[in-house]
Amino acid sequence: MSQNRITHLEETIAHLAQSAEELSDVVARQDREIAALSRRVEMLMQREAAREADSGGSISLADQRPPHY
């Protein structure tokens, strides 16, 4: 193989390695964000369940008709 071809292949491998590392960082960040959002949704669901339990079985505000009906 010519020296030009080898240099080109080395540059391509370096770019691919850098892209793979950047994508890995993005995936790791997204994993942290998804975990945080999942915890937040779970907390909100627990809070809503407690709120519904405290209401004593009455119709929730979201299910009530607006006063102008």
C-alpha atoms as a PDB file:
ATOM      1  CA  MET A   1       0.000   0.000   0.000  1.00  0.00           C
ATOM      2  CA  SER A   2       1.148   3.505  -0.681  1.00  0.00           C
ATOM      3  CA  GLN A   3       1.990   5.896   2.131  1.00  0.00           C
ATOM      4  CA  ASN A   4      -0.895   8.183   1.052  1.00  0.00           C
ATOM      5  CA  ARG A   5      -3.386   5.356   1.370  1.00  0.00           C
ATOM      6  CA  ILE A   6      -2.113   4.394   4.827  1.00  0.00           C
ATOM      7  CA  THR A   7      -2.248   8.020   6.013  1.00  0.00           C
ATOM      8  CA  HIS A   8      -5.797   8.356   4.712  1.00  0.00           C
ATOM      9  CA  LEU A   9      -6.863   5.174   6.501  1.00  0.00           C
ATOM     10  CA  GLU A  10      -5.233   6.329   9.758  1.00  0.00           C
ATOM     11  CA  GLU A  11      -7.053   9.681   9.520  1.00  0.00           C
ATOM     12  CA  THR A  12     -10.353   7.908   8.863  1.00  0.00           C
ATOM     13  CA  ILE A  13      -9.843   5.627  11.867  1.00  0.00           C
ATOM     14  CA  ALA A  14      -8.994   8.618  14.067  1.00  0.00           C
ATOM     15  CA  HIS A  15     -12.165  10.433  12.998  1.00  0.00           C
ATOM     16  CA  LEU A  16     -14.279   7.331  13.564  1.00  0.00           C
ATOM     17  CA  ALA A  17     -12.754   6.816  17.016  1.00  0.00           C
ATOM     18  CA  GLN A  18     -13.483  10.436  17.917  1.00  0.00           C
ATOM     19  CA  SER A  19     -17.076  10.121  16.669  1.00  0.00           C
ATOM     20  CA  ALA A  20     -17.578   6.935  18.665  1.00  0.00           C
ATOM     21  CA  GLU A  21     -16.294   8.641  21.829  1.00  0.00           C
ATOM     22  CA  GLU A  22     -18.537  11.665  21.290  1.00  0.00           C
ATOM     23  CA  LEU A  23     -21.565   9.416  20.715  1.00  0.00           C
ATOM     24  CA  SER A  24     -20.715   7.466  23.847  1.00  0.00           C
ATOM     25  CA  ASP A  25     -20.691  10.726  25.829  1.00  0.00           C
ATOM     26  CA  VAL A  26     -24.078  11.676  24.371  1.00  0.00           C
ATOM     27  CA  VAL A  27     -25.571   8.286  25.247  1.00  0.00           C
ATOM     28  CA  ALA A  28     -24.210   8.507  28.802  1.00  0.00           C
ATOM     29  CA  ARG A  29     -25.698  11.998  29.231  1.00  0.00           C
ATOM     30  CA  GLN A  30     -29.054  10.845  27.855  1.00  0.00           C
ATOM     31  CA  ASP A  31     -29.017   7.857  30.217  1.00  0.00           C
ATOM     32  CA  ARG A  32     -28.552  10.207  33.188  1.00  0.00           C
ATOM     33  CA  GLU A  33     -31.347  12.480  31.951  1.00  0.00           C
ATOM     34  CA  ILE A  34     -33.722   9.543  31.416  1.00  0.00           C
ATOM     35  CA  ALA A  35     -32.979   8.228  34.920  1.00  0.00           C
ATOM     36  CA  ALA A  36     -33.643  11.668  36.444  1.00  0.00           C
ATOM     37  CA  LEU A  37     -36.869  12.081  34.473  1.00  0.00           C
ATOM     38  CA  SER A  38     -38.015   8.586  35.424  1.00  0.00           C
ATOM     39  CA  ARG A  39     -37.467   9.402  39.103  1.00  0.00           C
ATOM     40  CA  ARG A  40     -39.390  12.655  38.677  1.00  0.00           C
ATOM     41  CA  VAL A  41     -42.326  10.922  36.955  1.00  0.00           C
ATOM     42  CA  GLU A  42     -42.412   8.267  39.690  1.00  0.00           C
ATOM     43  CA  MET A  43     -42.438  10.988  42.356  1.00  0.00           C
ATOM     44  CA  LEU A  44     -45.270  12.829  40.603  1.00  0.00           C
ATOM     45  CA  MET A  45     -47.285   9.628  40.226  1.00  0.00           C
ATOM     46  CA  GLN A  46     -46.863   8.880  43.931  1.00  0.00           C
ATOM     47  CA  ARG A  47     -47.856  12.437  44.804  1.00  0.00           C
ATOM     48  CA  GLU A  48     -50.967  12.210  42.600  1.00  0.00           C
ATOM     49  CA  ALA A  49     -51.907   8.835  44.071  1.00  0.00           C
ATOM     50  CA  ALA A  50     -51.614  10.302  47.565  1.00  0.00           C
ATOM     51  CA  ARG A  51     -53.688  13.307  46.518  1.00  0.00           C
ATOM     52  CA  GLU A  52     -56.409  11.039  45.112  1.00  0.00           C
ATOM     53  CA  ALA A  53     -56.380   8.946  48.293  1.00  0.00           C
ATOM     54  CA  ASP A  54     -56.726  12.114  50.403  1.00  0.00           C
ATOM     55  CA  SER A  55     -59.706  13.316  48.376  1.00  0.00           C
ATOM     56  CA  GLY A  56     -61.794  10.466  49.729  1.00  0.00           C
ATOM     57  CA  GLY A  57     -63.020   9.166  46.411  1.00  0.00           C
ATOM     58  CA  SER A  58     -64.470  12.451  45.173  1.00  0.00           C
ATOM     59  CA  ILE A  59     -64.252  13.341  41.497  1.00  0.00           C
ATOM     60  CA  SER A  60     -60.829  14.695  40.689  1.00  0.00           C
ATOM     61  CA  LEU A  61     -60.562  18.281  39.542  1.00  0.00           C
ATOM     62  CA  ALA A  62     -59.417  17.169  36.083  1.00  0.00           C
ATOM     63  CA  ASP A  63     -62.597  15.096  35.634  1.00  0.00           C
ATOM     64  CA  GLN A  64     -65.043  17.754  36.849  1.00  0.00           C
ATOM     65  CA  ARG A  65     -67.091  19.837  34.430  1.00  0.00           C
ATOM     66  CA  PRO A  66     -66.137  23.484  34.164  1.00  0.00           C
ATOM     67  CA  PRO A  67     -68.556  25.867  35.918  1.00  0.00           C
ATOM     68  CA  HIS A  68     -69.903  27.313  32.653  1.00  0.00           C
ATOM     69  CA  TYR A  69     -71.607  24.013  31.647  1.00  0.00           C
END
